[in-house]
Amino acid sequence: MPASLGVSLGAGRAPVLCIVGDGSAMYAPQALWTAAHEHLPVVFAVVNNREYDILKKSEAVLDRTTGGNGHAVGLDLVDPA
């Protein structure tokens, strides 16, 4: 998300489409404020896959979150729906 702001600024405030997952969007919500404050023509399309997919694919994270049953705990964004 922050990179999309940099792309817009670097290209003379050109319009940019930023496609980001819902879990990833939670890492940089301040980019939304910056885009609004600077009136940047960036559209954020947040894809709802309801999980922290990047963390689920990390063996280091899974070793700490599976609880021994192979199911990652706390990495599904299901409640509230």
C-alpha atoms as a PDB file:
ATOM      1  CA  MET A   1       0.000   0.000   0.000  1.00  0.00           C
ATOM      2  CA  PRO A   2       2.725   2.513   0.820  1.00  0.00           C
ATOM      3  CA  ALA A   3       4.512   1.605  -2.419  1.00  0.00           C
ATOM      4  CA  SER A   4       1.403   2.526  -4.413  1.00  0.00           C
ATOM      5  CA  LEU A   5       1.622   6.027  -2.961  1.00  0.00           C
ATOM      6  CA  GLY A   6       5.256   6.252  -3.974  1.00  0.00           C
ATOM      7  CA  VAL A   7       4.429   5.087  -7.496  1.00  0.00           C
ATOM      8  CA  SER A   8       1.783   7.776  -7.829  1.00  0.00           C
ATOM      9  CA  LEU A   9       4.078  10.489  -6.505  1.00  0.00           C
ATOM     10  CA  GLY A  10       7.006   9.289  -8.607  1.00  0.00           C
ATOM     11  CA  ALA A  11       4.869   9.379 -11.730  1.00  0.00           C
ATOM     12  CA  GLY A  12       3.652  12.932 -11.201  1.00  0.00           C
ATOM     13  CA  ARG A  13       0.536  11.958  -9.226  1.00  0.00           C
ATOM     14  CA  ALA A  14      -0.605   9.475 -11.850  1.00  0.00           C
ATOM     15  CA  PRO A  15      -3.607   7.266 -10.986  1.00  0.00           C
ATOM     16  CA  VAL A  16      -2.625   3.938  -9.401  1.00  0.00           C
ATOM     17  CA  LEU A  17      -4.609   0.797  -8.598  1.00  0.00           C
ATOM     18  CA  CYS A  18      -3.367  -0.992  -5.481  1.00  0.00           C
ATOM     19  CA  ILE A  19      -4.666  -4.560  -5.080  1.00  0.00           C
ATOM     20  CA  VAL A  20      -4.060  -5.892  -1.580  1.00  0.00           C
ATOM     21  CA  GLY A  21      -5.384  -8.735   0.557  1.00  0.00           C
ATOM     22  CA  ASP A  22      -7.402  -8.023   3.682  1.00  0.00           C
ATOM     23  CA  GLY A  23      -4.730  -9.401   6.007  1.00  0.00           C
ATOM     24  CA  SER A  24      -1.963  -7.441   4.313  1.00  0.00           C
ATOM     25  CA  ALA A  25      -4.052  -4.266   4.389  1.00  0.00           C
ATOM     26  CA  MET A  26      -3.921  -4.403   8.180  1.00  0.00           C
ATOM     27  CA  TYR A  27      -0.131  -3.897   8.108  1.00  0.00           C
ATOM     28  CA  ALA A  28      -0.238  -0.383   6.609  1.00  0.00           C
ATOM     29  CA  PRO A  29      -3.611   1.320   7.144  1.00  0.00           C
ATOM     30  CA  GLN A  30      -1.788   4.626   7.536  1.00  0.00           C
ATOM     31  CA  ALA A  31      -1.365   4.588   3.739  1.00  0.00           C
ATOM     32  CA  LEU A  32      -5.106   5.282   3.479  1.00  0.00           C
ATOM     33  CA  TRP A  33      -4.715   8.445   5.558  1.00  0.00           C
ATOM     34  CA  THR A  34      -1.712   9.578   3.528  1.00  0.00           C
ATOM     35  CA  ALA A  35      -3.536   9.019   0.234  1.00  0.00           C
ATOM     36  CA  ALA A  36      -6.509  11.042   1.454  1.00  0.00           C
ATOM     37  CA  HIS A  37      -4.418  13.785   3.056  1.00  0.00           C
ATOM     38  CA  GLU A  38      -2.265  14.246  -0.048  1.00  0.00           C
ATOM     39  CA  HIS A  39      -5.238  13.868  -2.438  1.00  0.00           C
ATOM     40  CA  LEU A  40      -3.443  11.093  -4.317  1.00  0.00           C
ATOM     41  CA  PRO A  41      -5.372   9.326  -7.085  1.00  0.00           C
ATOM     42  CA  VAL A  42      -4.811   5.844  -5.635  1.00  0.00           C
ATOM     43  CA  VAL A  43      -7.623   3.294  -5.585  1.00  0.00           C
ATOM     44  CA  PHE A  44      -7.227   0.536  -2.995  1.00  0.00           C
ATOM     45  CA  ALA A  45      -8.941  -2.726  -3.954  1.00  0.00           C
ATOM     46  CA  VAL A  46      -8.949  -4.887  -0.826  1.00  0.00           C
ATOM     47  CA  VAL A  47      -9.460  -8.541  -1.717  1.00  0.00           C
ATOM     48  CA  ASN A  48     -11.359 -10.449   0.951  1.00  0.00           C
ATOM     49  CA  ASN A  49      -9.736 -13.868   1.207  1.00  0.00           C
ATOM     50  CA  ARG A  50     -10.374 -13.856   4.980  1.00  0.00           C
ATOM     51  CA  GLU A  51      -6.915 -14.967   6.088  1.00  0.00           C
ATOM     52  CA  TYR A  52      -3.332 -13.959   6.776  1.00  0.00           C
ATOM     53  CA  ASP A  53      -2.134 -16.014   3.826  1.00  0.00           C
ATOM     54  CA  ILE A  54       1.466 -14.790   3.895  1.00  0.00           C
ATOM     55  CA  LEU A  55       1.759 -15.851   7.532  1.00  0.00           C
ATOM     56  CA  LYS A  56       0.146 -19.209   6.845  1.00  0.00           C
ATOM     57  CA  LYS A  57       2.859 -19.899   4.289  1.00  0.00           C
ATOM     58  CA  SER A  58       5.663 -19.116   6.737  1.00  0.00           C
ATOM     59  CA  GLU A  59       6.990 -22.241   8.442  1.00  0.00           C
ATOM     60  CA  ALA A  60       8.372 -20.200  11.339  1.00  0.00           C
ATOM     61  CA  VAL A  61       4.930 -18.785  12.104  1.00  0.00           C
ATOM     62  CA  LEU A  62       3.172 -22.105  11.636  1.00  0.00           C
ATOM     63  CA  ASP A  63       5.549 -23.819  14.049  1.00  0.00           C
ATOM     64  CA  ARG A  64       4.335 -21.412  16.771  1.00  0.00           C
ATOM     65  CA  THR A  65       0.635 -21.215  15.881  1.00  0.00           C
ATOM     66  CA  THR A  66      -0.514 -24.720  14.985  1.00  0.00           C
ATOM     67  CA  GLY A  67      -0.825 -26.009  18.528  1.00  0.00           C
ATOM     68  CA  GLY A  68       0.468 -29.348  17.300  1.00  0.00           C
ATOM     69  CA  ASN A  69      -2.577 -30.169  15.169  1.00  0.00           C
ATOM     70  CA  GLY A  70      -1.418 -28.673  11.859  1.00  0.00           C
ATOM     71  CA  HIS A  71      -4.108 -25.971  11.897  1.00  0.00           C
ATOM     72  CA  ALA A  72      -2.873 -22.401  12.239  1.00  0.00           C
ATOM     73  CA  VAL A  73      -4.549 -20.597  15.131  1.00  0.00           C
ATOM     74  CA  GLY A  74      -5.524 -16.948  14.734  1.00  0.00           C
ATOM     75  CA  LEU A  75      -4.667 -16.615  11.055  1.00  0.00           C
ATOM     76  CA  ASP A  76      -8.205 -16.888   9.644  1.00  0.00           C
ATOM     77  CA  LEU A  77     -10.226 -13.654   9.587  1.00  0.00           C
ATOM     78  CA  VAL A  78     -13.646 -15.196  10.116  1.00  0.00           C
ATOM     79  CA  ASP A  79     -15.233 -13.453  13.099  1.00  0.00           C
ATOM     80  CA  PRO A  80     -16.968 -11.170  12.519  1.00  0.00           C
ATOM     81  CA  ALA A  81     -17.801 -12.282   9.003  1.00  0.00           C
END
